[in-house]
């Protein structure tokens, strides 16, 4: 594999999991969120707002919060979930 090919395959440290295999990711996240009762999940708007905060955080590495080890896209869906860095 050439250096150019290796560069194209590297993982961005500021990406969310949905930036990888989109079809598989979307399905898994959708199923997880659907299993939460409506009273236990945040609105779509709040979910996206939380993800924007996570994307700008220095602790986000390949969809994982390095403060607590969670997948931020799963944690952001829960109404009672909190950011370990207290950003949301």
N, C-alpha and C. Protein backbone atom coordinates (compact mmCIF):
# COMPACT_ATOMS: atom_id res chain seq x y z
N UNK A 1 0.85 -1.18 0.00
CA UNK A 1 0.00 0.00 0.00
C UNK A 1 0.90 1.24 0.00
N UNK A 2 0.62 2.16 -0.88
CA UNK A 2 1.44 3.37 -0.98
C UNK A 2 1.15 4.32 0.18
N UNK A 3 2.05 5.28 0.39
CA UNK A 3 1.84 6.28 1.43
C UNK A 3 0.57 7.09 1.19
N UNK A 4 0.25 7.33 -0.07
CA UNK A 4 -0.97 8.08 -0.41
C UNK A 4 -2.19 7.28 0.01
N UNK A 5 -2.20 5.96 -0.28
CA UNK A 5 -3.32 5.12 0.11
C UNK A 5 -3.45 5.06 1.63
N UNK A 6 -2.34 4.97 2.35
CA UNK A 6 -2.37 4.94 3.80
C UNK A 6 -2.95 6.23 4.34
N UNK A 7 -2.56 7.35 3.75
CA UNK A 7 -3.06 8.64 4.20
C UNK A 7 -4.57 8.73 4.02
N UNK A 8 -5.08 8.22 2.90
CA UNK A 8 -6.51 8.26 2.63
C UNK A 8 -7.30 7.39 3.59
N UNK A 9 -6.68 6.39 4.20
CA UNK A 9 -7.38 5.48 5.09
C UNK A 9 -7.22 5.84 6.56
N UNK A 10 -6.46 6.83 6.87
CA UNK A 10 -6.28 7.16 8.29
C UNK A 10 -7.59 7.68 8.87
N UNK A 11 -7.74 7.52 10.14
CA UNK A 11 -8.96 7.94 10.83
C UNK A 11 -8.77 9.33 11.38
N UNK A 12 -9.71 10.18 11.08
CA UNK A 12 -9.68 11.55 11.59
C UNK A 12 -9.99 11.53 13.08
N UNK A 13 -9.18 12.17 13.86
CA UNK A 13 -9.39 12.19 15.31
C UNK A 13 -10.49 13.14 15.74
N UNK A 14 -11.09 13.87 14.83
CA UNK A 14 -12.19 14.76 15.18
C UNK A 14 -13.48 14.33 14.50
N UNK A 15 -13.53 13.10 14.04
CA UNK A 15 -14.72 12.61 13.36
C UNK A 15 -15.66 11.95 14.37
N UNK A 16 -16.90 11.88 13.98
CA UNK A 16 -17.87 11.11 14.73
C UNK A 16 -17.99 9.75 14.07
N UNK A 17 -18.54 8.79 14.77
CA UNK A 17 -18.68 7.46 14.20
C UNK A 17 -19.50 7.48 12.92
N UNK A 18 -20.47 8.37 12.82
CA UNK A 18 -21.30 8.42 11.63
C UNK A 18 -20.51 8.82 10.38
N UNK A 19 -19.29 9.31 10.56
CA UNK A 19 -18.45 9.69 9.43
C UNK A 19 -17.76 8.48 8.79
N UNK A 20 -17.94 7.30 9.32
CA UNK A 20 -17.29 6.11 8.79
C UNK A 20 -18.28 5.32 7.92
N UNK A 21 -18.62 4.11 8.25
CA UNK A 21 -19.56 3.31 7.47
C UNK A 21 -20.97 3.82 7.76
N UNK A 22 -21.40 4.73 6.94
CA UNK A 22 -22.62 5.47 7.21
C UNK A 22 -23.86 4.59 7.35
N UNK A 23 -24.04 3.65 6.47
CA UNK A 23 -25.25 2.82 6.50
C UNK A 23 -25.32 2.00 7.78
N UNK A 24 -24.24 1.33 8.12
CA UNK A 24 -24.22 0.50 9.32
C UNK A 24 -24.34 1.37 10.58
N UNK A 25 -23.63 2.48 10.59
CA UNK A 25 -23.68 3.37 11.74
C UNK A 25 -25.09 3.89 11.98
N UNK A 26 -25.69 4.44 10.94
CA UNK A 26 -27.02 5.03 11.06
C UNK A 26 -28.02 4.01 11.60
N UNK A 27 -27.94 2.80 11.11
CA UNK A 27 -28.86 1.76 11.56
C UNK A 27 -28.66 1.43 13.03
N UNK A 28 -27.43 1.28 13.47
CA UNK A 28 -27.16 0.96 14.86
C UNK A 28 -27.60 2.08 15.81
N UNK A 29 -27.28 3.30 15.46
CA UNK A 29 -27.66 4.43 16.31
C UNK A 29 -29.16 4.58 16.34
N UNK A 30 -29.82 4.46 15.18
CA UNK A 30 -31.27 4.58 15.11
C UNK A 30 -31.94 3.53 16.01
N UNK A 31 -31.45 2.29 15.94
CA UNK A 31 -32.03 1.23 16.77
C UNK A 31 -31.83 1.50 18.25
N UNK A 32 -30.66 1.98 18.62
CA UNK A 32 -30.39 2.29 20.02
C UNK A 32 -31.34 3.39 20.52
N UNK A 33 -31.45 4.45 19.76
CA UNK A 33 -32.27 5.59 20.18
C UNK A 33 -33.75 5.20 20.22
N UNK A 34 -34.19 4.39 19.26
CA UNK A 34 -35.59 3.94 19.25
C UNK A 34 -35.93 3.10 20.48
N UNK A 35 -34.95 2.40 21.02
CA UNK A 35 -35.19 1.58 22.20
C UNK A 35 -35.35 2.41 23.47
N UNK A 36 -34.87 3.65 23.42
CA UNK A 36 -35.08 4.54 24.57
C UNK A 36 -36.53 4.98 24.58
N UNK A 37 -37.14 5.01 25.75
CA UNK A 37 -38.51 5.52 25.81
C UNK A 37 -38.48 7.01 25.51
N UNK A 38 -39.57 7.54 24.94
CA UNK A 38 -39.59 8.98 24.61
C UNK A 38 -39.23 9.87 25.80
N UNK A 39 -39.59 9.45 26.98
CA UNK A 39 -39.26 10.24 28.17
C UNK A 39 -37.79 10.18 28.57
N UNK A 40 -37.06 9.23 27.99
CA UNK A 40 -35.64 9.06 28.32
C UNK A 40 -34.70 9.62 27.28
N UNK A 41 -35.24 10.13 26.16
CA UNK A 41 -34.35 10.65 25.12
C UNK A 41 -34.58 12.14 24.90
N UNK A 42 -33.54 12.79 24.45
CA UNK A 42 -33.62 14.22 24.16
C UNK A 42 -34.25 14.43 22.79
N UNK A 43 -34.68 15.65 22.52
CA UNK A 43 -35.22 15.98 21.20
C UNK A 43 -34.09 15.88 20.16
N UNK A 44 -34.49 15.79 18.91
CA UNK A 44 -33.51 15.76 17.82
C UNK A 44 -32.64 17.02 17.85
N UNK A 45 -33.26 18.15 18.13
CA UNK A 45 -32.52 19.42 18.16
C UNK A 45 -31.47 19.41 19.28
N UNK A 46 -31.86 18.92 20.46
CA UNK A 46 -30.91 18.85 21.58
C UNK A 46 -29.79 17.86 21.28
N UNK A 47 -30.14 16.76 20.66
CA UNK A 47 -29.15 15.74 20.29
C UNK A 47 -28.09 16.34 19.37
N UNK A 48 -28.53 17.04 18.33
CA UNK A 48 -27.58 17.66 17.40
C UNK A 48 -26.76 18.75 18.08
N UNK A 49 -27.36 19.49 18.97
CA UNK A 49 -26.65 20.54 19.71
C UNK A 49 -25.53 19.91 20.56
N UNK A 50 -25.84 18.82 21.22
CA UNK A 50 -24.83 18.13 22.03
C UNK A 50 -23.68 17.62 21.16
N UNK A 51 -24.02 17.07 19.99
CA UNK A 51 -22.97 16.56 19.12
C UNK A 51 -22.07 17.67 18.60
N UNK A 52 -22.62 18.84 18.36
CA UNK A 52 -21.78 19.98 17.94
C UNK A 52 -20.77 20.34 19.03
N UNK A 53 -21.23 20.30 20.27
CA UNK A 53 -20.32 20.58 21.39
C UNK A 53 -19.22 19.52 21.43
N UNK A 54 -19.61 18.27 21.28
CA UNK A 54 -18.63 17.18 21.32
C UNK A 54 -17.61 17.30 20.18
N UNK A 55 -18.07 17.68 19.00
CA UNK A 55 -17.15 17.80 17.86
C UNK A 55 -16.09 18.86 18.08
N UNK A 56 -16.38 19.86 18.88
CA UNK A 56 -15.39 20.91 19.13
C UNK A 56 -14.53 20.62 20.36
N UNK A 57 -14.79 19.52 21.02
CA UNK A 57 -14.07 19.18 22.26
C UNK A 57 -12.75 18.49 21.96
N UNK A 58 -11.73 18.86 22.69
CA UNK A 58 -10.40 18.26 22.53
C UNK A 58 -10.37 16.81 23.01
N UNK A 59 -11.38 16.36 23.74
CA UNK A 59 -11.42 14.99 24.25
C UNK A 59 -12.08 14.00 23.30
N UNK A 60 -12.59 14.48 22.16
CA UNK A 60 -13.22 13.59 21.19
C UNK A 60 -12.15 12.97 20.29
N UNK A 61 -12.11 11.65 20.27
CA UNK A 61 -11.19 10.93 19.40
C UNK A 61 -11.96 9.78 18.76
N UNK A 62 -12.15 9.87 17.46
CA UNK A 62 -12.82 8.84 16.67
C UNK A 62 -14.16 8.43 17.29
N UNK A 63 -14.98 9.42 17.62
CA UNK A 63 -16.31 9.16 18.13
C UNK A 63 -16.37 8.79 19.60
N UNK A 64 -15.22 8.73 20.26
CA UNK A 64 -15.14 8.33 21.66
C UNK A 64 -14.71 9.50 22.53
N UNK A 65 -15.38 9.66 23.65
CA UNK A 65 -14.98 10.67 24.63
C UNK A 65 -13.84 10.10 25.45
N UNK A 66 -12.71 10.76 25.42
CA UNK A 66 -11.55 10.28 26.16
C UNK A 66 -11.64 10.61 27.65
N UNK A 67 -12.62 11.39 28.05
CA UNK A 67 -12.83 11.66 29.48
C UNK A 67 -13.47 10.45 30.17
N UNK A 68 -14.43 9.80 29.47
CA UNK A 68 -15.16 8.71 30.11
C UNK A 68 -15.16 7.41 29.30
N UNK A 69 -14.79 7.48 28.02
CA UNK A 69 -14.74 6.28 27.18
C UNK A 69 -16.04 5.96 26.45
N UNK A 70 -17.05 6.82 26.57
CA UNK A 70 -18.32 6.54 25.90
C UNK A 70 -18.25 6.90 24.42
N UNK A 71 -19.19 6.35 23.66
CA UNK A 71 -19.42 6.79 22.29
C UNK A 71 -20.36 7.98 22.39
N UNK A 72 -19.88 9.14 22.02
CA UNK A 72 -20.63 10.37 22.27
C UNK A 72 -21.99 10.37 21.59
N UNK A 73 -22.11 9.74 20.44
CA UNK A 73 -23.39 9.74 19.75
C UNK A 73 -24.44 8.92 20.47
N UNK A 74 -24.03 7.98 21.28
CA UNK A 74 -24.98 7.23 22.11
C UNK A 74 -25.29 8.01 23.38
N UNK A 75 -24.28 8.52 24.02
CA UNK A 75 -24.48 9.26 25.26
C UNK A 75 -25.34 10.50 25.03
N UNK A 76 -25.15 11.18 23.92
CA UNK A 76 -25.87 12.42 23.64
C UNK A 76 -27.38 12.22 23.51
N UNK A 77 -27.81 11.00 23.25
CA UNK A 77 -29.24 10.73 23.05
C UNK A 77 -30.03 10.67 24.35
N UNK A 78 -29.38 10.34 25.44
CA UNK A 78 -30.08 10.14 26.70
C UNK A 78 -30.39 11.42 27.45
N UNK A 79 -31.63 11.57 27.86
CA UNK A 79 -32.07 12.77 28.57
C UNK A 79 -31.30 12.96 29.88
N UNK A 80 -31.01 11.87 30.57
CA UNK A 80 -30.31 11.97 31.85
C UNK A 80 -28.79 11.87 31.71
N UNK A 81 -28.31 11.74 30.48
CA UNK A 81 -26.86 11.68 30.26
C UNK A 81 -26.25 13.06 30.42
N UNK A 82 -25.04 13.08 30.88
CA UNK A 82 -24.31 14.33 31.05
C UNK A 82 -22.92 14.21 30.45
N UNK A 83 -22.41 15.33 29.97
CA UNK A 83 -21.06 15.38 29.47
C UNK A 83 -20.11 15.29 30.67
N UNK A 84 -19.11 14.41 30.63
CA UNK A 84 -18.19 14.32 31.76
C UNK A 84 -17.34 15.58 31.94
N UNK A 85 -17.24 16.39 30.90
CA UNK A 85 -16.50 17.65 31.01
C UNK A 85 -17.44 18.82 31.33
N UNK A 86 -18.70 18.49 31.59
CA UNK A 86 -19.73 19.48 31.96
C UNK A 86 -19.95 20.54 30.89
N UNK A 87 -19.88 20.12 29.62
CA UNK A 87 -20.09 21.05 28.52
C UNK A 87 -21.54 21.06 28.06
N UNK A 88 -22.32 20.04 28.42
CA UNK A 88 -23.76 20.00 28.19
C UNK A 88 -24.42 19.13 29.25
